[in-house]
Structure formats: structure tokens, C-alpha cells
Amino acid sequence: MTKVRGLRELVSGAVRLAGGNLCEAGHQWVPDGGARACPLDLTDGCSQAVYRCARCGEYDYGEPGGPGEADCVATCGWFEYENV
């Protein structure tokens, strides 16, 4: 963990403890390295990046509407969950 990332996590935790929400208007998703299997791919032939919010530290692993799902759709060619 880098010092800047650690500091951001401490600030985010302090804001949450005080009852605030750094991402009330939305997350600032950035790729966090690594990848996971795309849940929409029935062949296990493609993957998606893991994303982390630069402000609050929350992870997105492919939840509907998030950047991981967008990767999955773009990479695997799936257009909606009803296809699965």
C-alpha cells in the first residue's frame, strides 16, 4: 500500500465515522490492478478489471451499473444480463 493510498483510506474512514459520505455524488473509479472472471461469460474466456474508488476505497467487482460490468460488456460482448 502506498503512503498516499493509506492516507486516503484514513481520511475516508474518519469522514465515515463522522457520518459523512465522500462519494455522495458518485464514486471516482480507478483500476486497482488484477482481474477477475467476467460473471456474464459462460465460457470463462474473458476477464474484467477490478476497480477501486479513489476517494472512499470501496471496490467494484462487476456489480450492475459499475465499471466492472462495463468492462465485461465491452470485452466479452454481452449486452444485458438477460442474455445469461
N, C-alpha and C. Protein backbone atom coordinates (compact mmCIF):
# COMPACT_ATOMS: atom_id res chain seq x y z
N MET A 1 0.85 -1.17 0.00
CA MET A 1 0.00 0.00 0.00
C MET A 1 0.90 1.24 0.00
N THR A 2 0.61 2.17 -0.86
CA THR A 2 1.41 3.40 -0.89
C THR A 2 0.99 4.32 0.24
N LYS A 3 1.85 5.28 0.55
CA LYS A 3 1.54 6.21 1.64
C LYS A 3 0.32 7.06 1.30
N VAL A 4 0.19 7.50 0.03
CA VAL A 4 -0.95 8.32 -0.36
C VAL A 4 -2.24 7.51 -0.25
N ARG A 5 -2.21 6.28 -0.71
CA ARG A 5 -3.40 5.43 -0.62
C ARG A 5 -3.78 5.20 0.84
N GLY A 6 -2.80 4.95 1.68
CA GLY A 6 -3.07 4.75 3.10
C GLY A 6 -3.67 5.99 3.75
N LEU A 7 -3.16 7.17 3.37
CA LEU A 7 -3.70 8.42 3.89
C LEU A 7 -5.14 8.62 3.43
N ARG A 8 -5.41 8.33 2.17
CA ARG A 8 -6.79 8.45 1.65
C ARG A 8 -7.73 7.54 2.42
N GLU A 9 -7.29 6.33 2.71
CA GLU A 9 -8.14 5.39 3.46
C GLU A 9 -8.40 5.90 4.87
N LEU A 10 -7.40 6.49 5.51
CA LEU A 10 -7.59 7.06 6.85
C LEU A 10 -8.58 8.22 6.82
N VAL A 11 -8.44 9.10 5.84
CA VAL A 11 -9.36 10.25 5.71
C VAL A 11 -10.77 9.74 5.45
N SER A 12 -10.89 8.78 4.54
CA SER A 12 -12.21 8.22 4.22
C SER A 12 -12.85 7.60 5.46
N GLY A 13 -12.07 6.86 6.23
CA GLY A 13 -12.60 6.26 7.45
C GLY A 13 -13.03 7.30 8.46
N ALA A 14 -12.26 8.37 8.59
CA ALA A 14 -12.62 9.45 9.52
C ALA A 14 -13.91 10.13 9.10
N VAL A 15 -14.07 10.36 7.81
CA VAL A 15 -15.29 11.00 7.30
C VAL A 15 -16.49 10.10 7.57
N ARG A 16 -16.35 8.78 7.33
CA ARG A 16 -17.45 7.85 7.59
C ARG A 16 -17.81 7.83 9.07
N LEU A 17 -16.80 7.82 9.94
CA LEU A 17 -17.07 7.82 11.39
C LEU A 17 -17.80 9.08 11.82
N ALA A 18 -17.54 10.18 11.12
CA ALA A 18 -18.21 11.45 11.45
C ALA A 18 -19.59 11.55 10.81
N GLY A 19 -20.00 10.50 10.09
CA GLY A 19 -21.33 10.49 9.48
C GLY A 19 -21.38 11.06 8.07
N GLY A 20 -20.23 11.32 7.48
CA GLY A 20 -20.18 11.87 6.12
C GLY A 20 -20.05 10.80 5.06
N ASN A 21 -20.12 11.24 3.82
CA ASN A 21 -20.01 10.33 2.68
C ASN A 21 -19.20 11.03 1.59
N LEU A 22 -17.96 10.60 1.38
CA LEU A 22 -17.11 11.20 0.37
C LEU A 22 -17.65 11.02 -1.04
N CYS A 23 -18.48 10.01 -1.24
CA CYS A 23 -18.93 9.68 -2.59
C CYS A 23 -20.44 9.86 -2.76
N GLU A 24 -20.99 10.79 -2.04
CA GLU A 24 -22.43 11.04 -2.13
C GLU A 24 -22.86 11.33 -3.57
N ALA A 25 -22.01 12.03 -4.32
CA ALA A 25 -22.34 12.38 -5.71
C ALA A 25 -21.83 11.34 -6.70
N GLY A 26 -21.23 10.26 -6.23
CA GLY A 26 -20.72 9.21 -7.11
C GLY A 26 -19.27 8.88 -6.81
N HIS A 27 -18.89 7.68 -7.20
CA HIS A 27 -17.52 7.21 -6.96
C HIS A 27 -16.58 7.70 -8.05
N GLN A 28 -15.30 7.72 -7.73
CA GLN A 28 -14.25 8.02 -8.70
C GLN A 28 -13.48 6.72 -8.92
N TRP A 29 -13.99 5.90 -9.85
CA TRP A 29 -13.44 4.57 -10.07
C TRP A 29 -12.11 4.63 -10.80
N VAL A 30 -11.14 3.87 -10.31
CA VAL A 30 -9.85 3.71 -10.97
C VAL A 30 -9.51 2.22 -10.95
N PRO A 31 -8.82 1.73 -12.01
CA PRO A 31 -8.41 0.31 -12.00
C PRO A 31 -7.47 0.06 -10.83
N ASP A 32 -7.64 -1.08 -10.17
CA ASP A 32 -6.84 -1.39 -8.98
C ASP A 32 -5.90 -2.55 -9.24
N GLY A 33 -5.66 -2.86 -10.49
CA GLY A 33 -4.79 -3.99 -10.80
C GLY A 33 -5.55 -5.29 -10.65
N GLY A 34 -5.01 -6.31 -11.18
CA GLY A 34 -5.66 -7.61 -11.09
C GLY A 34 -6.89 -7.68 -11.98
N ALA A 35 -7.45 -8.84 -12.04
CA ALA A 35 -8.63 -9.07 -12.85
C ALA A 35 -9.39 -10.24 -12.25
N ARG A 36 -10.62 -10.34 -12.64
CA ARG A 36 -11.44 -11.47 -12.20
C ARG A 36 -12.26 -11.95 -13.38
N ALA A 37 -12.76 -13.13 -13.31
CA ALA A 37 -13.58 -13.68 -14.39
C ALA A 37 -14.84 -12.84 -14.54
N CYS A 38 -15.23 -12.62 -15.75
CA CYS A 38 -16.45 -11.87 -16.04
C CYS A 38 -17.66 -12.75 -15.68
N PRO A 39 -18.55 -12.30 -14.79
CA PRO A 39 -19.68 -13.13 -14.40
C PRO A 39 -20.68 -13.34 -15.53
N LEU A 40 -20.60 -12.55 -16.58
CA LEU A 40 -21.52 -12.71 -17.71
C LEU A 40 -21.00 -13.68 -18.76
N ASP A 41 -19.75 -14.12 -18.62
CA ASP A 41 -19.13 -15.00 -19.60
C ASP A 41 -19.32 -16.45 -19.18
N LEU A 42 -20.09 -17.18 -19.91
CA LEU A 42 -20.36 -18.57 -19.58
C LEU A 42 -19.22 -19.50 -19.97
N THR A 43 -18.25 -18.99 -20.73
CA THR A 43 -17.14 -19.82 -21.19
C THR A 43 -15.88 -19.64 -20.35
N ASP A 44 -15.88 -18.71 -19.41
CA ASP A 44 -14.70 -18.36 -18.62
C ASP A 44 -13.54 -17.94 -19.51
N GLY A 45 -13.85 -17.34 -20.64
CA GLY A 45 -12.83 -16.97 -21.61
C GLY A 45 -12.40 -15.53 -21.56
N CYS A 46 -12.98 -14.71 -20.70
CA CYS A 46 -12.55 -13.32 -20.63
C CYS A 46 -12.64 -12.83 -19.19
N SER A 47 -12.01 -11.70 -18.94
CA SER A 47 -11.98 -11.18 -17.57
C SER A 47 -12.24 -9.68 -17.58
N GLN A 48 -12.41 -9.14 -16.40
CA GLN A 48 -12.64 -7.70 -16.24
C GLN A 48 -11.70 -7.19 -15.16
N ALA A 49 -11.39 -5.91 -15.23
CA ALA A 49 -10.53 -5.30 -14.22
C ALA A 49 -11.29 -5.18 -12.90
N VAL A 50 -10.54 -5.09 -11.81
CA VAL A 50 -11.11 -4.77 -10.51
C VAL A 50 -10.94 -3.27 -10.32
N TYR A 51 -11.99 -2.59 -9.92
CA TYR A 51 -11.94 -1.14 -9.74
C TYR A 51 -12.08 -0.78 -8.27
N ARG A 52 -11.46 0.33 -7.90
CA ARG A 52 -11.50 0.84 -6.53
C ARG A 52 -11.77 2.34 -6.60
N CYS A 53 -12.61 2.84 -5.71
CA CYS A 53 -12.89 4.27 -5.68
C CYS A 53 -11.70 4.99 -5.06
N ALA A 54 -11.18 5.98 -5.77
CA ALA A 54 -10.01 6.73 -5.29
C ALA A 54 -10.34 7.59 -4.07
N ARG A 55 -11.62 7.89 -3.85
CA ARG A 55 -11.99 8.73 -2.71
C ARG A 55 -12.30 7.93 -1.46
N CYS A 56 -13.12 6.89 -1.57
CA CYS A 56 -13.57 6.19 -0.36
C CYS A 56 -12.98 4.80 -0.18
N GLY A 57 -12.36 4.24 -1.22
CA GLY A 57 -11.74 2.94 -1.10
C GLY A 57 -12.64 1.75 -1.39
N GLU A 58 -13.91 1.99 -1.70
CA GLU A 58 -14.83 0.89 -2.00
C GLU A 58 -14.39 0.20 -3.29
N TYR A 59 -14.63 -1.12 -3.36
CA TYR A 59 -14.29 -1.89 -4.55
C TYR A 59 -15.52 -2.20 -5.38
N ASP A 60 -15.33 -2.28 -6.69
CA ASP A 60 -16.37 -2.73 -7.61
C ASP A 60 -15.85 -3.99 -8.28
N TYR A 61 -16.57 -5.09 -8.12
CA TYR A 61 -16.17 -6.36 -8.71
C TYR A 61 -17.09 -6.78 -9.84
N GLY A 62 -17.79 -5.84 -10.43
CA GLY A 62 -18.65 -6.16 -11.56
C GLY A 62 -20.13 -6.00 -11.26
N GLU A 63 -20.47 -5.23 -10.22
CA GLU A 63 -21.87 -5.02 -9.89
C GLU A 63 -22.57 -4.31 -11.04
N PRO A 64 -23.87 -4.57 -11.22
CA PRO A 64 -24.63 -3.91 -12.30
C PRO A 64 -24.49 -2.39 -12.23
N GLY A 65 -24.18 -1.80 -13.38
CA GLY A 65 -24.06 -0.35 -13.49
C GLY A 65 -22.67 0.19 -13.18
N GLY A 66 -21.78 -0.65 -12.72
CA GLY A 66 -20.44 -0.21 -12.36
C GLY A 66 -19.44 -0.38 -13.50
N PRO A 67 -18.22 0.06 -13.29
CA PRO A 67 -17.20 -0.02 -14.32
C PRO A 67 -16.78 -1.45 -14.64
N GLY A 68 -16.84 -2.36 -13.67
CA GLY A 68 -16.51 -3.76 -13.93
C GLY A 68 -17.49 -4.39 -14.89
N GLU A 69 -18.76 -4.08 -14.72
CA GLU A 69 -19.77 -4.60 -15.65
C GLU A 69 -19.53 -4.02 -17.04
N ALA A 70 -19.19 -2.74 -17.12
CA ALA A 70 -18.92 -2.13 -18.43
C ALA A 70 -17.74 -2.83 -19.13
N ASP A 71 -16.69 -3.17 -18.35
CA ASP A 71 -15.57 -3.94 -18.92
C ASP A 71 -16.06 -5.26 -19.47
N CYS A 72 -16.88 -5.93 -18.69
CA CYS A 72 -17.39 -7.24 -19.07
C CYS A 72 -18.18 -7.16 -20.37
N VAL A 73 -19.04 -6.17 -20.47
CA VAL A 73 -19.85 -5.98 -21.67
C VAL A 73 -18.95 -5.69 -22.87
N ALA A 74 -17.97 -4.79 -22.68
CA ALA A 74 -17.09 -4.42 -23.79
C ALA A 74 -16.17 -5.56 -24.20
N THR A 75 -15.63 -6.29 -23.22
CA THR A 75 -14.65 -7.33 -23.51
C THR A 75 -15.30 -8.62 -23.96
N CYS A 76 -16.39 -9.01 -23.33
CA CYS A 76 -16.99 -10.31 -23.60
C CYS A 76 -18.13 -10.24 -24.61
N GLY A 77 -18.57 -9.05 -24.93
CA GLY A 77 -19.62 -8.91 -25.92
C GLY A 77 -21.03 -9.12 -25.40
N TRP A 78 -21.21 -9.15 -24.08
CA TRP A 78 -22.55 -9.30 -23.52
C TRP A 78 -23.19 -7.93 -23.43
N PHE A 79 -24.48 -7.86 -23.71
CA PHE A 79 -25.14 -6.57 -23.75
C PHE A 79 -26.14 -6.35 -22.64
N GLU A 80 -26.61 -7.41 -21.99
CA GLU A 80 -27.53 -7.27 -20.87
C GLU A 80 -27.57 -8.59 -20.11
N TYR A 81 -27.91 -8.52 -18.84
CA TYR A 81 -27.93 -9.71 -18.01
C TYR A 81 -28.94 -10.75 -18.49
N GLU A 82 -29.96 -10.32 -19.20
CA GLU A 82 -30.95 -11.29 -19.67
C GLU A 82 -30.35 -12.31 -20.64
N ASN A 83 -29.17 -12.02 -21.20
CA ASN A 83 -28.53 -12.95 -22.12
C ASN A 83 -27.97 -14.17 -21.40
N VAL A 84 -27.80 -14.10 -20.10
CA VAL A 84 -27.18 -15.20 -19.37
C VAL A 84 -28.23 -16.21 -18.98
